[in-house]
Amino acid sequence: MTLFEFVRSAPGSALTVIKFTGALIDRYAWIIVIVFVLVALWEIYDRLTDLHREEGCVFCDIVAGDAPATVVRRWRDAIAIVPIDPVTDDHVLVLPRRHVRDAREIPRVTARVMKRSAQLARGYKACNIVTSCGPEATQTVFHEHVHVYGREYGDSLALAWPDNREAP
């Protein structure tokens, strides 16, 4: 049914509206199918590229289960582990499952890792969420990772900038 035919036939009739809607769905169903197929293909591509692993990377080995680590949480796109030398009792590292050198390399991977970090941070009263990009910024393992650790006034953890605030 064309729009012209729709307007000519009993306007306002619920049955006419239903028929017109059905005709549109029938006519454009192939577009809906193509959209769903494209979304599915993108998801498959996304999952396949998330499997990238760098030889010799200790974090890739941990993600693959080939190196020991205390895993705090697992997601489809990331894991959270306890670092070897935590700065607080609740310090965790959030790593993408895919090898990414640092937060600048693949922004969509960084966004997922930050999302997972924020999910963990909800359990802290106060915390820092920190990542470093490059050796000048104190990055020592070149697989993206985000530090999440709790904070308290007077905990004596140093920041990269002076803390001029006083405790309340």
Protein backbone atom coordinates (compact mmCIF):
# COMPACT_ATOMS: atom_id res chain seq x y z
CA MET A 1 0.00 0.00 0.00
CA THR A 2 1.39 3.37 -0.98
CA LEU A 3 1.08 6.52 1.08
CA PHE A 4 -1.42 7.87 -1.47
CA GLU A 5 -3.57 4.76 -1.15
CA PHE A 6 -3.35 5.01 2.63
CA VAL A 7 -4.57 8.61 2.66
CA ARG A 8 -7.45 7.77 0.26
CA SER A 9 -8.61 4.79 2.30
CA ALA A 10 -10.61 5.45 5.47
CA PRO A 11 -8.20 7.76 7.34
CA GLY A 12 -8.28 7.31 11.08
CA SER A 13 -9.24 3.67 10.84
CA ALA A 14 -7.12 1.55 13.16
CA LEU A 15 -7.24 -1.32 10.69
CA THR A 16 -5.87 0.95 7.94
CA VAL A 17 -3.01 2.09 10.17
CA ILE A 18 -2.17 -1.52 10.99
CA LYS A 19 -2.25 -2.49 7.30
CA PHE A 20 -0.04 0.48 6.37
CA THR A 21 2.45 -0.34 9.15
CA GLY A 22 2.54 -3.97 8.04
CA ALA A 23 3.16 -2.91 4.44
CA LEU A 24 6.06 -0.69 5.53
CA ILE A 25 7.58 -3.51 7.56
CA ASP A 26 7.22 -5.92 4.63
CA ARG A 27 8.69 -3.39 2.23
CA TYR A 28 11.66 -2.44 4.40
CA ALA A 29 12.26 -5.73 6.20
CA TRP A 30 15.40 -6.35 4.13
CA ILE A 31 16.90 -3.12 5.51
CA ILE A 32 16.23 -4.30 9.05
CA VAL A 33 17.81 -7.67 8.25
CA ILE A 34 20.89 -5.99 6.73
CA VAL A 35 21.28 -3.78 9.82
CA PHE A 36 21.10 -6.81 12.11
CA VAL A 37 23.61 -8.71 9.96
CA LEU A 38 26.02 -5.76 9.98
CA VAL A 39 25.75 -5.43 13.75
CA ALA A 40 26.39 -9.18 14.14
CA LEU A 41 29.40 -9.03 11.81
CA TRP A 42 30.81 -6.06 13.74
CA GLU A 43 30.40 -7.98 17.00
CA ILE A 44 32.22 -11.01 15.54
CA TYR A 45 35.02 -8.77 14.24
CA ASP A 46 35.23 -7.05 17.62
CA ARG A 47 35.54 -10.37 19.47
CA LEU A 48 38.14 -11.75 17.05
CA THR A 49 40.33 -8.65 17.31
CA ASP A 50 40.08 -8.81 21.11
CA LEU A 51 42.01 -12.09 20.95
CA HIS A 52 45.24 -10.38 19.81
CA ARG A 53 48.16 -11.48 22.00
CA GLU A 54 51.75 -10.20 22.08
CA GLU A 55 54.51 -12.78 22.58
CA GLY A 56 56.60 -12.10 25.68
CA CYS A 57 53.96 -9.88 27.32
CA VAL A 58 53.41 -10.96 30.93
CA PHE A 59 49.90 -9.46 31.01
CA CYS A 60 48.95 -11.35 27.83
CA ASP A 61 50.21 -14.51 29.53
CA ILE A 62 48.08 -13.74 32.61
CA VAL A 63 44.99 -13.07 30.47
CA ALA A 64 45.56 -16.38 28.62
CA GLY A 65 45.99 -18.25 31.91
CA ASP A 66 49.62 -19.11 31.14
CA ALA A 67 51.06 -17.07 34.04
CA PRO A 68 49.92 -17.03 37.67
CA ALA A 69 47.87 -14.14 39.05
CA THR A 70 45.22 -13.53 41.65
CA VAL A 71 42.18 -12.71 39.55
CA VAL A 72 39.64 -10.47 41.28
CA ARG A 73 37.09 -10.28 38.46
CA ARG A 74 36.64 -11.44 34.87
CA TRP A 75 34.63 -9.83 32.10
CA ARG A 76 34.38 -10.72 28.41
CA ASP A 77 36.69 -7.82 27.50
CA ALA A 78 38.92 -7.40 30.59
CA ILE A 79 40.15 -8.93 33.82
CA ALA A 80 41.08 -7.44 37.19
CA ILE A 81 44.08 -8.82 39.09
CA VAL A 82 46.01 -8.06 42.25
CA PRO A 83 49.41 -6.55 41.35
CA ILE A 84 52.64 -8.16 42.54
CA ASP A 85 53.43 -5.20 44.81
CA PRO A 86 50.14 -3.48 45.71
CA VAL A 87 50.28 0.05 47.16
CA THR A 88 47.16 -0.62 49.29
CA ASP A 89 45.34 -3.74 50.44
CA ASP A 90 42.61 -3.15 47.83
CA HIS A 91 44.85 -2.27 44.86
CA VAL A 92 43.85 -3.96 41.60
CA LEU A 93 44.92 -3.73 37.96
CA VAL A 94 42.33 -3.84 35.20
CA LEU A 95 43.73 -5.26 31.95
CA PRO A 96 42.12 -5.58 28.53
CA ARG A 97 42.07 -9.14 27.23
CA ARG A 98 43.53 -7.87 23.96
CA HIS A 99 47.12 -6.63 23.82
CA VAL A 100 47.16 -2.84 23.63
CA ARG A 101 50.39 -0.99 24.39
CA ASP A 102 48.77 1.88 26.31
CA ALA A 103 45.58 3.91 26.65
CA ARG A 104 46.27 5.93 23.48
CA GLU A 105 46.54 3.02 21.06
CA ILE A 106 42.92 1.83 20.64
CA PRO A 107 40.43 4.21 22.28
CA ARG A 108 37.50 1.74 22.20
CA VAL A 109 39.56 -0.77 24.21
CA THR A 110 40.58 1.96 26.65
CA ALA A 111 36.93 2.95 27.04
CA ARG A 112 36.01 -0.61 27.99
CA VAL A 113 38.88 -0.89 30.47
CA MET A 114 37.90 2.44 32.06
CA LYS A 115 34.28 1.26 32.26
CA ARG A 116 35.38 -1.89 34.09
CA SER A 117 37.65 0.18 36.36
CA ALA A 118 34.75 2.47 37.23
CA GLN A 119 32.57 -0.54 38.00
CA LEU A 120 35.18 -1.78 40.49
CA ALA A 121 35.66 1.72 41.91
CA ARG A 122 32.03 1.81 43.00
CA GLY A 123 33.04 -0.44 45.88
CA TYR A 124 35.54 2.08 47.28
CA LYS A 125 34.75 4.96 49.61
CA ALA A 126 37.49 6.98 47.86
CA CYS A 127 40.00 5.86 45.26
CA ASN A 128 42.39 6.71 42.47
CA ILE A 129 41.95 5.37 38.95
CA VAL A 130 45.31 5.76 37.23
CA THR A 131 46.93 4.74 33.97
CA SER A 132 50.27 5.71 32.47
CA CYS A 133 51.28 6.07 28.81
CA GLY A 134 54.99 5.66 28.15
CA PRO A 135 58.09 5.22 30.28
CA GLU A 136 58.31 8.96 31.01
CA ALA A 137 54.92 8.66 32.67
CA THR A 138 56.11 5.66 34.78
CA GLN A 139 54.64 2.90 32.57
CA THR A 140 56.78 -0.21 33.13
CA VAL A 141 54.63 -2.95 31.57
CA PHE A 142 53.65 -2.11 28.00
CA HIS A 143 50.22 -3.71 28.00
CA GLU A 144 47.50 -1.22 28.88
CA HIS A 145 46.41 -1.45 32.49
CA VAL A 146 44.53 0.73 34.94
CA HIS A 147 45.35 0.91 38.63
CA VAL A 148 42.38 1.17 40.99
CA TYR A 149 43.21 1.60 44.67
CA GLY A 150 41.49 2.96 47.74
CA ARG A 151 42.57 6.15 49.43
CA GLU A 152 42.25 7.64 52.91
CA TYR A 153 43.41 10.94 54.37
CA GLY A 154 46.91 10.53 55.74
CA ASP A 155 47.67 7.32 53.79
CA SER A 156 50.98 8.94 52.68
CA LEU A 157 50.68 7.76 49.07
CA ALA A 158 52.44 10.25 46.85
CA LEU A 159 50.72 11.86 43.90
CA ALA A 160 52.39 13.29 40.81
CA TRP A 161 51.20 16.75 41.89
CA PRO A 162 51.22 18.42 45.31
CA ASP A 163 48.25 17.92 47.61
CA ASN A 164 47.57 21.31 49.20
CA ARG A 165 44.24 20.34 50.70
CA GLU A 166 43.73 19.79 54.39
CA ALA A 167 41.76 16.89 55.77
CA PRO A 168 38.19 17.86 56.80
